[in-house]
Amino acid sequence: MSGYWFAVGACIALLVFLVVLLRTRRLREKYAIAWIVVGVGICVFGAFPGVVSALARLVGVQTPSNLLFALASIVLLLVCIQLSSEITTLEEETRTLTEEVALLRFDLERLAAGLAAAPDETATPPVPGQLPSDGPDPAP
């Protein structure tokens, strides 16, 4: 068994694993697309090794495997940059939400303190010269 067929088999296993992750919703589509493109590309390179040799000659790389390592490094660098961008966005959203929750909590505490300090407006004001009673007024 040549190394190319091993690469094809590994890529097919990777694609099946990605489909399982997508079906179980453990991986979002926007992240899976890049990995599926990489997997399909490596399947093509594994099935048709002449394509890699031709690309290596075209680019000027002596050994086709060096071209594959360079392409893999570039892909991993792009994935890292994309994930860093996602983390930055999530950090900003988290900071904004934390500030909003803190402001809402402050407003709620201030409102609760204001209600506790205010006199009860539903109670009838006491009449001068009359004692307050505990029960309702008797019927006339």
Protein backbone atom coordinates (compact mmCIF):
# COMPACT_ATOMS: atom_id res chain seq x y z
CA MET A 1 0.00 0.00 0.00
CA SER A 2 1.48 3.31 -1.02
CA GLY A 3 1.49 6.44 1.09
CA TYR A 4 -0.90 8.09 -1.32
CA TRP A 5 -3.67 5.60 -0.60
CA PHE A 6 -3.02 6.02 3.10
CA ALA A 7 -3.56 9.76 2.63
CA VAL A 8 -6.78 9.14 0.73
CA GLY A 9 -8.06 6.80 3.44
CA ALA A 10 -7.13 9.26 6.20
CA CYS A 11 -8.90 12.09 4.38
CA ILE A 12 -12.03 10.03 3.86
CA ALA A 13 -12.02 9.21 7.59
CA LEU A 14 -11.60 12.93 8.31
CA LEU A 15 -14.55 13.80 6.07
CA VAL A 16 -16.73 11.18 7.75
CA PHE A 17 -15.70 12.55 11.16
CA LEU A 18 -16.61 16.09 10.04
CA VAL A 19 -20.02 14.93 8.85
CA VAL A 20 -20.63 13.24 12.20
CA LEU A 21 -19.66 16.44 14.03
CA LEU A 22 -21.98 18.47 11.81
CA ARG A 23 -24.90 16.08 12.31
CA THR A 24 -24.47 16.12 16.09
CA ARG A 25 -24.15 19.94 16.01
CA ARG A 26 -20.76 19.87 17.70
CA LEU A 27 -19.27 21.82 14.79
CA ARG A 28 -20.81 24.75 12.98
CA GLU A 29 -21.01 24.87 9.23
CA LYS A 30 -18.83 27.93 8.86
CA TYR A 31 -15.93 26.10 10.51
CA ALA A 32 -16.53 22.79 8.77
CA ILE A 33 -16.38 24.24 5.27
CA ALA A 34 -12.67 25.03 5.51
CA TRP A 35 -11.87 21.57 6.85
CA ILE A 36 -13.98 19.87 4.18
CA VAL A 37 -12.15 21.84 1.47
CA VAL A 38 -8.82 20.78 2.98
CA GLY A 39 -9.93 17.16 3.20
CA VAL A 40 -11.17 17.06 -0.39
CA GLY A 41 -7.97 18.74 -1.59
CA ILE A 42 -5.80 16.19 0.17
CA CYS A 43 -7.96 13.38 -1.25
CA VAL A 44 -7.35 14.74 -4.74
CA PHE A 45 -3.62 15.07 -4.08
CA GLY A 46 -3.53 11.53 -2.68
CA ALA A 47 -5.47 10.02 -5.56
CA PHE A 48 -3.54 11.92 -8.25
CA PRO A 49 0.04 12.36 -7.04
CA GLY A 50 1.05 13.73 -10.43
CA VAL A 51 -0.91 16.89 -9.64
CA VAL A 52 1.32 17.60 -6.66
CA SER A 53 4.47 17.01 -8.72
CA ALA A 54 3.22 19.30 -11.46
CA LEU A 55 2.33 22.01 -8.93
CA ALA A 56 5.77 21.64 -7.30
CA ARG A 57 7.49 22.10 -10.64
CA LEU A 58 5.23 25.04 -11.46
CA VAL A 59 5.98 26.79 -8.15
CA GLY A 60 9.64 25.84 -8.19
CA VAL A 61 9.72 23.52 -5.20
CA GLN A 62 12.19 20.61 -5.56
CA THR A 63 10.24 18.00 -3.59
CA PRO A 64 6.44 17.69 -3.84
CA SER A 65 6.15 16.78 -0.15
CA ASN A 66 7.73 20.13 0.75
CA LEU A 67 4.99 21.83 -1.23
CA LEU A 68 2.38 19.89 0.75
CA PHE A 69 4.01 20.89 4.05
CA ALA A 70 4.10 24.51 2.96
CA LEU A 71 0.43 24.41 1.92
CA ALA A 72 -0.51 22.73 5.21
CA SER A 73 1.37 25.43 7.14
CA ILE A 74 -0.43 28.16 5.23
CA VAL A 75 -3.82 26.54 5.82
CA LEU A 76 -3.13 26.16 9.54
CA LEU A 77 -1.98 29.77 9.74
CA LEU A 78 -5.20 30.93 8.08
CA VAL A 79 -7.29 28.81 10.45
CA CYS A 80 -5.45 30.30 13.45
CA ILE A 81 -6.03 33.83 12.17
CA GLN A 82 -9.73 33.12 11.59
CA LEU A 83 -10.14 31.61 15.07
CA SER A 84 -8.30 34.57 16.62
CA SER A 85 -10.71 36.88 14.85
CA GLU A 86 -13.67 34.90 16.21
CA ILE A 87 -12.24 35.00 19.75
CA THR A 88 -11.75 38.76 19.52
CA THR A 89 -15.35 39.23 18.44
CA LEU A 90 -16.63 37.00 21.24
CA GLU A 91 -14.54 38.84 23.84
CA GLU A 92 -15.97 42.17 22.70
CA GLU A 93 -19.53 40.81 22.86
CA THR A 94 -18.90 39.36 26.32
CA ARG A 95 -17.50 42.66 27.60
CA THR A 96 -20.48 44.58 26.21
CA LEU A 97 -22.98 42.15 27.74
CA THR A 98 -21.21 42.29 31.10
CA GLU A 99 -21.39 46.08 31.11
CA GLU A 100 -25.09 46.02 30.20
CA VAL A 101 -25.87 43.53 32.98
CA ALA A 102 -23.95 45.66 35.49
CA LEU A 103 -25.87 48.79 34.45
CA LEU A 104 -29.21 46.97 34.63
CA ARG A 105 -28.33 45.59 38.07
CA PHE A 106 -27.38 49.08 39.25
CA ASP A 107 -30.68 50.51 37.97
CA LEU A 108 -32.63 47.69 39.62
CA GLU A 109 -30.91 48.17 42.97
CA ARG A 110 -31.44 51.93 42.80
CA LEU A 111 -35.13 51.43 41.96
CA ALA A 112 -35.56 48.94 44.80
CA ALA A 113 -33.88 51.33 47.25
CA GLY A 114 -36.11 54.17 46.04
CA LEU A 115 -39.27 52.11 46.55
CA ALA A 116 -38.21 51.08 50.05
CA ALA A 117 -37.55 54.67 51.08
CA ALA A 118 -40.73 56.17 49.54
CA PRO A 119 -43.92 56.40 51.67
CA ASP A 120 -46.78 54.09 50.81
CA GLU A 121 -48.94 56.11 48.40
CA THR A 122 -51.87 53.68 48.46
CA ALA A 123 -52.55 54.22 52.15
CA THR A 124 -55.03 56.91 53.10
CA PRO A 125 -53.52 59.86 54.86
CA PRO A 126 -54.30 60.04 58.56
CA VAL A 127 -57.01 62.46 59.55
CA PRO A 128 -55.94 64.87 62.28
CA GLY A 129 -57.58 64.05 65.58
CA GLN A 130 -58.57 60.47 64.62
CA LEU A 131 -56.82 57.30 65.75
CA PRO A 132 -55.86 54.81 63.08
CA SER A 133 -57.93 51.61 63.08
CA ASP A 134 -56.75 48.11 62.18
CA GLY A 135 -59.88 46.85 60.42
CA PRO A 136 -62.20 48.23 57.78
CA ASP A 137 -64.62 50.96 58.63
CA PRO A 138 -68.00 49.75 59.89
CA ALA A 139 -70.91 50.15 57.52
CA PRO A 140 -72.94 53.32 57.99
